[in-house]
């Protein structure tokens, strides 16, 4: 059982790991001084700023999210079309390139979400207040306007600056429960007259957009994520977070908005930084896993064929589908940022089946999104490039590498939390699946609880996707080590 001061211990571990990995856990005195000069949200008046504050905008995010990057609203059009609007917080209006705050954000490249503490990319006075699309507040934003046909295909897109107003701060789980008929409408949504109708319209168009993407090869992947749960300052459990209708709604809208941002920059002959997932690194192993399930995939990477296999498995074995998804994700290889110059054609995003994809919808949390926003604002204003093309190439690689470091920090601290919960269970046996196999080591994830650790004995001949029985042999809370051995007879 975790000790009563487990939150403090995990916070200390997180702070230490951040420093060891070269990230900045604290804001410098220069950042604090600069922050003191920013007293209010950005305000810009002029004909180029559309006033859309009268639309029934709402945010849908995690229960505990305070840095609100996006609002959404939808309008029904003739011919079963829908106008979908995504408003993204205009963070660039307050955070100037080269400022002390910007330099800190550039260094870490992302907010880091560890088990016991969040290390925000921007000071909270900005990210959860002055640059956040908070409820009952007017804020500047960059709006992505999308017209979606009855089959879920994108008919038209436009981007422009606008003033918006958040009428309801909503959360994924409660919105999903309402959409699925399992709970009443969330109070914040009920308080805004007519919002219920617009939310159902958004849900309907999101389902059509998702279906359209998957018909064209986007992958149906569904993994299990475990989030530490605290009772006061005591770590008590790992809660499993799963996909639901509200999460998918926002996911589909953000994919569409990010694709529109990339295409807009290309249309203005501007460079961009794209998020890409290249051809799968280990397609041969994906083919082998499919064969083990009685499905034949082509020898060459084919996203449509892979999606057909995934849909079949999700239908036939939904309980084990997240484990299959995890194996496929590991074998697809990591995503990365690449600079795309005018006239070039990049590799696209294999998992999303889109050729144009620029991260743009989370500028409070990701530095790449702030870069993209600066590019968009320059293109909208008809101004000069805010970055040289060689700078964008350098930034793309740096952000790829540093986001990987941030992910390692999150995983290590989460494993420290898991080690706390498992320290009294050394010697117990668990069912597991192999999630990684390389010269650096073999990794497994337990089915219950969903904890990942290293297989230190009996790993010979194993590959990603293999199932096995393991025994917990050792944990190290400080280092985030959880070690298993393969049991005999499996």
Protein backbone atom coordinates (compact mmCIF):
# COMPACT_ATOMS: atom_id res chain seq x y z
CA UNK A 1 0.00 0.00 0.00
CA UNK A 2 1.30 3.44 -0.88
CA UNK A 3 2.29 5.66 2.00
CA UNK A 4 0.32 8.68 3.14
CA UNK A 5 2.84 11.09 1.63
CA UNK A 6 2.91 9.37 -1.76
CA UNK A 7 1.91 12.54 -3.63
CA UNK A 8 4.84 14.47 -2.17
CA UNK A 9 7.24 11.62 -2.93
CA UNK A 10 6.03 11.42 -6.53
CA UNK A 11 6.28 15.20 -6.92
CA UNK A 12 9.90 15.06 -5.73
CA UNK A 13 10.63 12.19 -8.12
CA UNK A 14 9.01 14.09 -11.01
CA UNK A 15 11.02 17.25 -10.28
CA UNK A 16 14.24 15.23 -10.16
CA UNK A 17 13.48 13.32 -13.37
CA UNK A 18 12.62 16.55 -15.21
CA UNK A 19 16.05 17.94 -14.34
CA UNK A 20 17.85 14.68 -15.16
CA UNK A 21 16.21 14.64 -18.59
CA UNK A 22 17.20 18.25 -19.30
CA UNK A 23 13.74 19.79 -18.89
CA UNK A 24 12.88 22.84 -16.78
CA UNK A 25 10.48 22.05 -13.92
CA UNK A 26 10.35 25.65 -12.68
CA UNK A 27 9.98 29.05 -14.29
CA UNK A 28 12.99 31.37 -14.18
CA UNK A 29 13.00 34.78 -12.43
CA UNK A 30 13.02 36.37 -15.91
CA UNK A 31 9.77 34.57 -16.75
CA UNK A 32 8.18 35.68 -13.48
CA UNK A 33 9.13 39.31 -14.10
CA UNK A 34 7.82 39.18 -17.65
CA UNK A 35 4.62 37.51 -16.45
CA UNK A 36 4.04 40.37 -14.03
CA UNK A 37 3.74 42.77 -16.95
CA UNK A 38 0.85 40.79 -18.49
CA UNK A 39 -2.25 41.86 -16.64
CA UNK A 40 -5.12 41.13 -19.03
CA UNK A 41 -6.16 38.94 -21.96
CA UNK A 42 -5.18 40.10 -25.42
CA UNK A 43 -7.63 42.54 -26.95
CA UNK A 44 -7.62 43.54 -30.61
CA UNK A 45 -10.33 45.52 -32.34
CA UNK A 46 -10.81 45.96 -36.03
CA UNK A 47 -12.84 44.81 -38.99
CA UNK A 48 -10.58 41.77 -39.46
CA UNK A 49 -11.69 40.37 -36.07
CA UNK A 50 -15.08 38.74 -36.47
CA UNK A 51 -17.39 38.92 -33.47
CA UNK A 52 -18.70 35.39 -32.96
CA UNK A 53 -19.26 35.78 -29.22
CA UNK A 54 -23.00 35.30 -29.69
CA UNK A 55 -22.66 31.69 -30.90
CA UNK A 56 -23.23 28.91 -28.35
CA UNK A 57 -19.59 27.89 -28.00
CA UNK A 58 -18.61 25.25 -25.43
CA UNK A 59 -15.43 23.49 -24.34
CA UNK A 60 -15.22 19.73 -23.79
CA UNK A 61 -12.08 18.48 -22.05
CA UNK A 62 -10.87 16.32 -19.17
CA UNK A 63 -12.64 16.71 -15.84
CA UNK A 64 -9.64 18.45 -14.30
CA UNK A 65 -8.48 20.49 -17.33
CA UNK A 66 -8.06 24.20 -16.68
CA UNK A 67 -6.04 25.14 -19.79
CA UNK A 68 -8.81 25.33 -22.38
CA UNK A 69 -7.40 25.50 -25.90
CA UNK A 70 -10.51 24.91 -28.01
CA UNK A 71 -14.21 25.66 -28.24
CA UNK A 72 -16.60 24.12 -30.76
CA UNK A 73 -20.02 24.90 -32.18
CA UNK A 74 -22.02 23.63 -35.14
CA UNK A 75 -24.74 25.02 -37.40
CA UNK A 76 -27.11 23.01 -39.62
CA UNK A 77 -27.04 23.98 -43.30
CA UNK A 78 -29.37 23.11 -46.20
CA UNK A 79 -28.82 19.77 -47.89
CA UNK A 80 -27.90 17.93 -44.66
CA UNK A 81 -24.62 19.80 -44.52
CA UNK A 82 -23.18 21.12 -41.26
CA UNK A 83 -20.96 24.10 -40.62
CA UNK A 84 -18.50 23.14 -37.91
CA UNK A 85 -16.51 25.85 -36.13
CA UNK A 86 -13.41 25.18 -34.01
CA UNK A 87 -12.03 28.14 -32.06
CA UNK A 88 -8.41 27.87 -30.91
CA UNK A 89 -7.10 30.18 -28.19
CA UNK A 90 -4.99 33.01 -29.64
CA UNK A 91 -1.97 32.37 -27.44
CA UNK A 92 0.41 34.07 -29.87
CA UNK A 93 -1.33 37.39 -29.18
CA UNK A 94 0.29 37.46 -25.72
CA UNK A 95 3.37 35.22 -26.07
CA UNK A 96 5.91 36.96 -28.24
CA UNK A 97 8.57 35.01 -30.11
CA UNK A 98 11.90 35.28 -28.29
CA UNK A 99 10.45 36.46 -24.98
CA UNK A 100 11.50 34.81 -21.70
CA UNK A 101 8.14 33.01 -21.50
CA UNK A 102 8.54 31.85 -25.09
CA UNK A 103 12.08 30.62 -24.42
CA UNK A 104 10.86 28.46 -21.53
CA UNK A 105 8.07 27.05 -23.71
CA UNK A 106 10.57 26.43 -26.51
CA UNK A 107 12.92 24.61 -24.13
CA UNK A 108 10.32 22.12 -22.81
CA UNK A 109 8.17 22.13 -26.00
CA UNK A 110 5.14 20.75 -24.14
CA UNK A 111 3.32 20.61 -20.83
CA UNK A 112 4.45 17.52 -18.91
CA UNK A 113 1.68 15.57 -17.18
CA UNK A 114 3.13 13.36 -14.44
CA UNK A 115 1.28 11.24 -11.91
CA UNK A 116 1.31 13.81 -9.10
CA UNK A 117 2.09 17.13 -10.76
CA UNK A 118 1.65 18.99 -14.03
CA UNK A 119 4.60 21.03 -15.31
CA UNK A 120 2.83 23.52 -17.63
CA UNK A 121 4.57 24.78 -20.74
CA UNK A 122 3.26 28.28 -19.96
CA UNK A 123 2.75 29.83 -16.52
CA UNK A 124 -0.71 29.00 -15.19
CA UNK A 125 -1.62 32.69 -14.96
CA UNK A 126 -1.58 32.48 -18.76
CA UNK A 127 -2.49 28.90 -19.70
CA UNK A 128 -5.41 28.56 -17.27
CA UNK A 129 -6.47 32.22 -17.29
CA UNK A 130 -5.38 34.92 -19.71
CA UNK A 131 -4.76 32.65 -22.75
CA UNK A 132 -7.39 30.06 -21.85
CA UNK A 133 -10.88 30.01 -23.38
CA UNK A 134 -12.48 30.11 -19.94
CA UNK A 135 -16.24 29.98 -19.33
CA UNK A 136 -18.20 33.23 -19.31
CA UNK A 137 -15.29 35.12 -20.87
CA UNK A 138 -14.75 36.79 -24.25
CA UNK A 139 -11.45 35.76 -25.79
CA UNK A 140 -9.55 36.19 -29.04
CA UNK A 141 -9.19 33.04 -31.11
CA UNK A 142 -8.27 31.64 -34.49
CA UNK A 143 -11.37 29.97 -35.90
CA UNK A 144 -11.27 27.04 -38.30
CA UNK A 145 -14.56 26.90 -40.20
CA UNK A 146 -15.43 23.60 -41.85
CA UNK A 147 -18.39 22.64 -44.03
CA UNK A 148 -19.10 18.91 -43.76
CA UNK A 149 -21.31 17.02 -46.22
CA UNK A 150 -23.91 14.42 -45.23
CA UNK A 151 -21.40 11.60 -45.83
CA UNK A 152 -18.81 13.15 -43.47
CA UNK A 153 -16.54 14.49 -46.21
CA UNK A 154 -15.10 17.98 -45.97
CA UNK A 155 -16.62 20.33 -48.55
CA UNK A 156 -14.99 23.64 -47.66
CA UNK A 157 -12.71 25.24 -45.07
CA UNK A 158 -11.75 28.72 -43.97
CA UNK A 159 -9.61 30.24 -41.23
CA UNK A 160 -9.94 33.68 -39.63
CA UNK A 161 -9.48 35.54 -36.31
CA UNK A 162 -12.59 35.97 -34.17
CA UNK A 163 -13.81 36.94 -30.74
CA UNK A 164 -15.58 34.06 -29.00
CA UNK A 165 -17.36 33.36 -25.70
CA UNK A 166 -17.39 30.05 -23.81
CA UNK A 167 -20.96 29.41 -22.64
CA UNK A 168 -20.28 26.04 -20.98
CA UNK A 169 -17.19 24.27 -19.61
CA UNK A 170 -17.97 20.59 -20.14
CA UNK A 171 -16.14 17.33 -19.44
CA UNK A 172 -15.74 14.22 -21.60
CA UNK A 173 -17.23 11.66 -19.24
CA UNK A 174 -20.42 13.49 -18.32
CA UNK A 175 -21.09 14.60 -21.92
CA UNK A 176 -20.50 11.05 -23.19
CA UNK A 177 -22.81 9.57 -20.55
CA UNK A 178 -25.55 11.99 -21.65
CA UNK A 179 -25.01 11.36 -25.37
CA UNK A 180 -25.18 7.62 -24.74
CA UNK A 181 -28.39 7.95 -22.73
CA UNK A 182 -26.81 6.89 -19.45
CA UNK A 183 -27.12 10.18 -17.54
CA UNK A 184 -28.94 13.52 -17.67
CA UNK A 185 -27.46 16.44 -19.56
CA UNK A 186 -24.60 18.13 -17.65
CA UNK A 187 -25.82 21.12 -15.66
CA UNK A 188 -23.54 23.58 -17.47
CA UNK A 189 -24.95 22.48 -20.83
CA UNK A 190 -28.54 22.61 -19.61
CA UNK A 191 -28.02 26.18 -18.41
CA UNK A 192 -27.28 27.42 -21.96
CA UNK A 193 -30.58 27.32 -23.80
CA UNK A 194 -30.32 25.43 -27.09
CA UNK A 195 -26.87 24.00 -26.41
CA UNK A 196 -28.26 20.48 -26.07
CA UNK A 197 -29.45 20.54 -29.68
CA UNK A 198 -26.08 21.83 -30.93
CA UNK A 199 -24.14 19.21 -28.95
CA UNK A 200 -26.22 16.42 -30.50
CA UNK A 201 -25.60 17.97 -33.91
CA UNK A 202 -21.85 17.98 -33.20
CA UNK A 203 -22.02 14.35 -32.10
CA UNK A 204 -23.87 13.35 -35.27
CA UNK A 205 -21.43 15.11 -37.62
CA UNK A 206 -18.45 13.72 -35.68
CA UNK A 207 -19.73 10.18 -36.19
CA UNK A 208 -20.07 10.82 -39.93
CA UNK A 209 -16.57 12.34 -40.14
CA UNK A 210 -15.08 9.40 -38.26
CA UNK A 211 -16.81 6.88 -40.52
CA UNK A 212 -15.62 8.74 -43.62
CA UNK A 213 -12.00 8.75 -42.41
CA UNK A 214 -12.06 5.05 -41.55
CA UNK A 215 -13.51 4.11 -44.92
CA UNK A 216 -10.45 5.82 -46.38
CA UNK A 217 -7.97 3.98 -44.17
CA UNK A 218 -7.81 5.76 -40.81
CA UNK A 219 -7.06 3.18 -38.13
CA UNK A 220 -9.47 2.17 -35.36
CA UNK A 221 -7.08 2.03 -32.43
CA UNK A 222 -8.14 1.90 -28.82
CA UNK A 223 -5.67 1.61 -25.95
CA UNK A 224 -6.04 1.45 -22.20
CA UNK A 225 -4.52 4.31 -20.22
CA UNK A 226 -4.18 4.13 -16.45
CA UNK A 227 -4.37 7.37 -14.49
CA UNK A 228 -3.20 7.49 -10.85
CA UNK A 229 -6.00 8.21 -8.36
CA UNK A 230 -5.30 9.96 -5.07
CA UNK A 231 -7.29 9.94 -1.85
CA UNK A 232 -6.03 13.22 -0.46
CA UNK A 233 -2.25 12.86 -0.71
CA UNK A 234 -2.34 9.07 -0.69
CA UNK A 235 -2.11 7.13 -3.94
CA UNK A 236 -5.03 4.71 -3.88
CA UNK A 237 -5.54 3.22 -7.34
CA UNK A 238 -4.96 3.32 -11.09
CA UNK A 239 -8.12 4.29 -12.96
CA UNK A 240 -8.53 3.15 -16.56
CA UNK A 241 -9.47 5.85 -19.05
CA UNK A 242 -11.23 4.65 -22.18
CA UNK A 243 -12.52 6.30 -25.33
CA UNK A 244 -16.08 7.56 -25.37
CA UNK A 245 -18.39 9.52 -27.66
CA UNK A 246 -17.30 12.92 -26.34
CA UNK A 247 -13.58 12.16 -26.63
CA UNK A 248 -14.10 10.89 -30.18
CA UNK A 249 -16.13 14.02 -31.01
CA UNK A 250 -13.28 16.34 -30.06
CA UNK A 251 -10.68 14.03 -31.60
CA UNK A 252 -12.44 14.03 -34.97
CA UNK A 253 -12.93 17.79 -34.93
CA UNK A 254 -9.28 18.44 -34.06
CA UNK A 255 -8.06 16.11 -36.84
CA UNK A 256 -10.18 18.08 -39.31
CA UNK A 257 -9.02 21.44 -37.95
CA UNK A 258 -5.35 20.41 -37.98
CA UNK A 259 -5.64 19.19 -41.56
CA UNK A 260 -7.32 22.46 -42.57
CA UNK A 261 -4.51 24.46 -40.96
CA UNK A 262 -1.89 22.57 -42.98
CA UNK A 263 -3.79 23.05 -46.22
CA UNK A 264 -4.37 26.75 -45.52
CA UNK A 265 -0.66 27.40 -45.06
CA UNK A 266 0.10 25.51 -48.27
CA UNK A 267 -2.52 27.56 -50.14
CA UNK A 268 -0.74 30.75 -49.02
CA UNK A 269 2.63 29.36 -50.14
CA UNK A 270 3.75 29.24 -46.50
CA UNK A 271 5.90 26.48 -45.00
CA UNK A 272 4.55 24.45 -42.11
CA UNK A 273 5.54 21.81 -39.59
CA UNK A 274 3.60 18.59 -40.12
CA UNK A 275 2.98 15.71 -37.76
CA UNK A 276 3.71 12.51 -39.68
CA UNK A 277 3.73 8.78 -39.10
CA UNK A 278 5.71 7.18 -41.87
CA UNK A 279 5.24 3.72 -43.34
CA UNK A 280 5.18 1.25 -40.41
CA UNK A 281 8.61 0.28 -39.17
CA UNK A 282 7.61 -3.35 -38.54
CA UNK A 283 4.83 -4.14 -41.01
CA UNK A 284 6.09 -7.72 -41.21
CA UNK A 285 5.24 -8.28 -37.54
CA UNK A 286 1.80 -6.66 -38.00
CA UNK A 287 1.20 -9.11 -40.86
CA UNK A 288 2.27 -11.97 -38.58
CA UNK A 289 -0.10 -10.87 -35.78
CA UNK A 290 -2.98 -10.62 -38.26
CA UNK A 291 -2.18 -14.13 -39.51
CA UNK A 292 -2.33 -15.42 -35.93
CA UNK A 293 -5.90 -14.07 -35.83
CA UNK A 294 -6.82 -15.71 -39.14
CA UNK A 295 -6.56 -12.57 -41.28
CA UNK A 296 -4.29 -12.07 -44.28
CA UNK A 297 -2.70 -8.65 -44.79
CA UNK A 298 -0.77 -7.71 -47.95
CA UNK A 299 3.01 -7.84 -47.84
CA UNK A 300 3.28 -4.07 -48.36
CA UNK A 301 1.86 -1.53 -45.85
CA UNK A 302 -1.82 -0.90 -46.56
CA UNK A 303 -3.81 1.22 -44.09
CA UNK A 304 -7.22 0.23 -45.52
CA UNK A 305 -6.45 -3.47 -45.17
CA UNK A 306 -5.14 -2.95 -41.66
CA UNK A 307 -8.29 -1.01 -40.74
CA UNK A 308 -10.43 -3.89 -42.05
CA UNK A 309 -8.54 -6.29 -39.78
CA UNK A 310 -8.86 -3.96 -36.78
CA UNK A 311 -12.62 -3.51 -37.26
CA UNK A 312 -13.08 -7.28 -37.53
CA UNK A 313 -11.15 -7.87 -34.31
CA UNK A 314 -12.92 -5.07 -32.43
CA UNK A 315 -16.25 -6.67 -33.32
CA UNK A 316 -15.24 -10.26 -32.58
CA UNK A 317 -13.14 -9.68 -29.44
CA UNK A 318 -13.82 -6.23 -27.93
CA UNK A 319 -12.35 -7.06 -24.51
CA UNK A 320 -8.91 -7.86 -25.95
CA UNK A 321 -9.00 -5.23 -28.68
CA UNK A 322 -7.10 -2.58 -26.63
CA UNK A 323 -4.22 -5.05 -26.27
CA UNK A 324 -4.16 -5.68 -30.01
CA UNK A 325 -4.29 -1.92 -30.59
CA UNK A 326 -1.32 -1.39 -28.30
CA UNK A 327 0.71 -3.96 -30.24
CA UNK A 328 -0.12 -2.29 -33.57
CA UNK A 329 0.71 1.19 -32.22
CA UNK A 330 4.11 -0.01 -31.00
CA UNK A 331 4.83 -1.59 -34.39
CA UNK A 332 3.72 1.44 -36.42
CA UNK A 333 6.61 3.44 -34.98
CA UNK A 334 6.71 6.90 -33.48
CA UNK A 335 5.25 10.03 -34.92
CA UNK A 336 7.54 12.92 -35.72
CA UNK A 337 7.49 16.53 -36.83
CA UNK A 338 8.87 17.49 -40.23
CA UNK A 339 9.13 20.89 -41.87
CA UNK A 340 7.29 21.00 -45.18
CA UNK A 341 8.30 23.77 -47.55
CA UNK A 342 6.08 25.26 -50.26
CA UNK A 343 5.67 22.84 -53.16
CA UNK A 344 6.86 19.80 -51.20
CA UNK A 345 4.77 16.74 -50.44
CA UNK A 346 5.44 15.05 -47.13
CA UNK A 347 4.87 11.42 -46.08
CA UNK A 348 1.52 12.10 -44.36
CA UNK A 349 0.08 10.40 -41.30
CA UNK A 350 -0.35 6.63 -41.83
CA UNK A 351 -2.56 6.11 -38.77
CA UNK A 352 -4.97 8.94 -39.59
CA UNK A 353 -4.94 8.39 -43.38
CA UNK A 354 -4.37 12.09 -43.99
CA UNK A 355 -1.66 13.66 -46.10
CA UNK A 356 -1.84 17.13 -44.53
CA UNK A 357 -1.68 17.38 -40.75
CA UNK A 358 -0.23 20.25 -38.71
CA UNK A 359 -0.60 20.42 -34.93
CA UNK A 360 -2.42 23.69 -34.32
CA UNK A 361 -5.20 23.18 -31.78
CA UNK A 362 -3.36 23.14 -28.42
CA UNK A 363 -1.09 26.24 -28.27
CA UNK A 364 -1.30 26.44 -24.45
CA UNK A 365 0.14 22.94 -24.17
CA UNK A 366 2.39 22.30 -27.21
CA UNK A 367 5.05 24.58 -28.65
CA UNK A 368 4.61 23.24 -32.19
CA UNK A 369 1.01 24.48 -32.06
CA UNK A 370 2.20 27.93 -31.03
CA UNK A 371 4.65 27.96 -33.97
CA UNK A 372 1.83 26.93 -36.32
CA UNK A 373 -0.40 29.65 -34.91
CA UNK A 374 2.24 32.29 -35.59
CA UNK A 375 2.52 31.02 -39.16
CA UNK A 376 -1.26 31.09 -39.58
CA UNK A 377 -1.53 34.64 -38.21
CA UNK A 378 1.23 35.84 -40.54
CA UNK A 379 -0.50 34.19 -43.49
CA UNK A 380 -3.86 35.69 -42.50
CA UNK A 381 -2.34 39.16 -42.22
CA UNK A 382 -0.41 38.83 -45.47
CA UNK A 383 2.79 39.41 -43.51
CA UNK A 384 6.29 38.04 -43.76
CA UNK A 385 7.36 34.67 -42.42
CA UNK A 386 7.96 34.69 -38.62
CA UNK A 387 10.55 31.89 -39.04
CA UNK A 388 13.22 31.11 -41.61
CA UNK A 389 12.74 27.81 -43.38
CA UNK A 390 15.94 26.37 -41.90
CA UNK A 391 14.66 27.40 -38.44
CA UNK A 392 11.50 25.38 -39.00
CA UNK A 393 13.54 22.29 -39.94
CA UNK A 394 15.59 22.66 -36.75
CA UNK A 395 12.48 23.29 -34.62
CA UNK A 396 10.73 20.23 -36.05
CA UNK A 397 13.55 17.89 -35.05
CA UNK A 398 14.04 19.56 -31.67
CA UNK A 399 10.34 19.34 -30.80
CA UNK A 400 10.20 15.69 -31.91
CA UNK A 401 13.15 14.78 -29.71
CA UNK A 402 12.08 16.87 -26.72
CA UNK A 403 8.48 15.65 -26.76
CA UNK A 404 9.90 12.13 -26.67
CA UNK A 405 11.89 13.14 -23.59
CA UNK A 406 8.75 14.57 -21.98
CA UNK A 407 6.90 11.33 -22.70
CA UNK A 408 9.71 9.39 -21.01
CA UNK A 409 9.40 11.62 -17.94
CA UNK A 410 5.66 10.97 -17.78
CA UNK A 411 6.13 7.22 -18.20
CA UNK A 412 8.87 7.03 -15.58
CA UNK A 413 6.88 8.91 -12.94
CA UNK A 414 3.72 6.95 -13.75
CA UNK A 415 5.74 3.78 -13.30
CA UNK A 416 6.96 5.08 -9.95
CA UNK A 417 3.30 5.44 -8.99
CA UNK A 418 2.55 1.93 -10.24
CA UNK A 419 5.56 0.61 -8.31
CA UNK A 420 4.07 2.11 -5.15
CA UNK A 421 0.85 0.21 -5.69
CA UNK A 422 2.62 -3.06 -6.57
CA UNK A 423 5.31 -3.10 -3.88
CA UNK A 424 3.19 -5.33 -1.63
CA UNK A 425 2.49 -7.80 -4.47
CA UNK A 426 6.01 -9.05 -5.23
CA UNK A 427 5.84 -12.76 -6.02
CA UNK A 428 2.33 -12.62 -7.50
CA UNK A 429 1.65 -13.80 -11.04
CA UNK A 430 -0.19 -11.89 -13.77
CA UNK A 431 -1.36 -12.29 -17.37
CA UNK A 432 0.55 -9.94 -19.68
CA UNK A 433 1.30 -8.96 -23.28
CA UNK A 434 4.66 -8.04 -24.83
CA UNK A 435 4.67 -4.33 -25.75
CA UNK A 436 8.30 -3.90 -26.76
CA UNK A 437 11.14 -6.12 -27.93
CA UNK A 438 14.55 -4.73 -28.90
CA UNK A 439 18.22 -5.10 -27.99
CA UNK A 440 17.53 -2.64 -25.15
CA UNK A 441 15.10 -5.02 -23.49
CA UNK A 442 11.70 -6.68 -23.58
CA UNK A 443 8.68 -4.96 -22.04
CA UNK A 444 5.33 -6.33 -20.97
CA UNK A 445 2.06 -4.82 -19.83
CA UNK A 446 -0.21 -6.51 -17.33
CA UNK A 447 -3.87 -6.90 -18.21
CA UNK A 448 -4.92 -6.07 -14.65
CA UNK A 449 -3.73 -3.74 -13.32
CA UNK A 450 -2.65 -2.13 -16.65
CA UNK A 451 0.98 -1.61 -15.62
CA UNK A 452 4.05 -1.88 -17.86
CA UNK A 453 7.41 -3.23 -16.75
CA UNK A 454 10.58 -4.93 -17.95
CA UNK A 455 10.84 -8.66 -18.49
CA UNK A 456 14.22 -9.46 -16.94
CA UNK A 457 14.04 -13.26 -17.20
CA UNK A 458 12.60 -15.54 -19.91
CA UNK A 459 12.40 -12.98 -22.69
CA UNK A 460 14.18 -15.05 -25.34
CA UNK A 461 12.15 -15.53 -28.52
CA UNK A 462 9.35 -13.16 -27.54
CA UNK A 463 8.02 -10.39 -29.78
CA UNK A 464 5.44 -7.61 -29.61
CA UNK A 465 1.93 -9.01 -29.23
CA UNK A 466 2.91 -12.30 -27.56
CA UNK A 467 0.86 -13.17 -24.48
CA UNK A 468 2.38 -14.78 -21.45
CA UNK A 469 2.20 -15.30 -17.70
CA UNK A 470 4.67 -13.31 -15.61
CA UNK A 471 5.70 -13.01 -11.99
CA UNK A 472 6.54 -9.70 -10.30
CA UNK A 473 10.09 -9.98 -8.94
CA UNK A 474 11.11 -6.43 -7.96
CA UNK A 475 10.03 -2.78 -7.90
CA UNK A 476 12.01 0.42 -7.38
CA UNK A 477 9.81 3.44 -6.66
CA UNK A 478 12.56 6.02 -6.96
CA UNK A 479 13.72 4.82 -10.38
CA UNK A 480 10.31 3.71 -11.66
CA UNK A 481 11.46 0.11 -12.20
CA UNK A 482 8.95 -2.75 -12.32
CA UNK A 483 10.61 -6.08 -13.15
CA UNK A 484 8.98 -9.36 -14.13
CA UNK A 485 10.07 -12.84 -15.10
CA UNK A 486 8.31 -15.25 -17.39
CA UNK A 487 6.79 -18.12 -15.44
CA UNK A 488 7.42 -21.72 -16.34
CA UNK A 489 5.09 -23.57 -18.72
CA UNK A 490 4.02 -20.66 -20.95
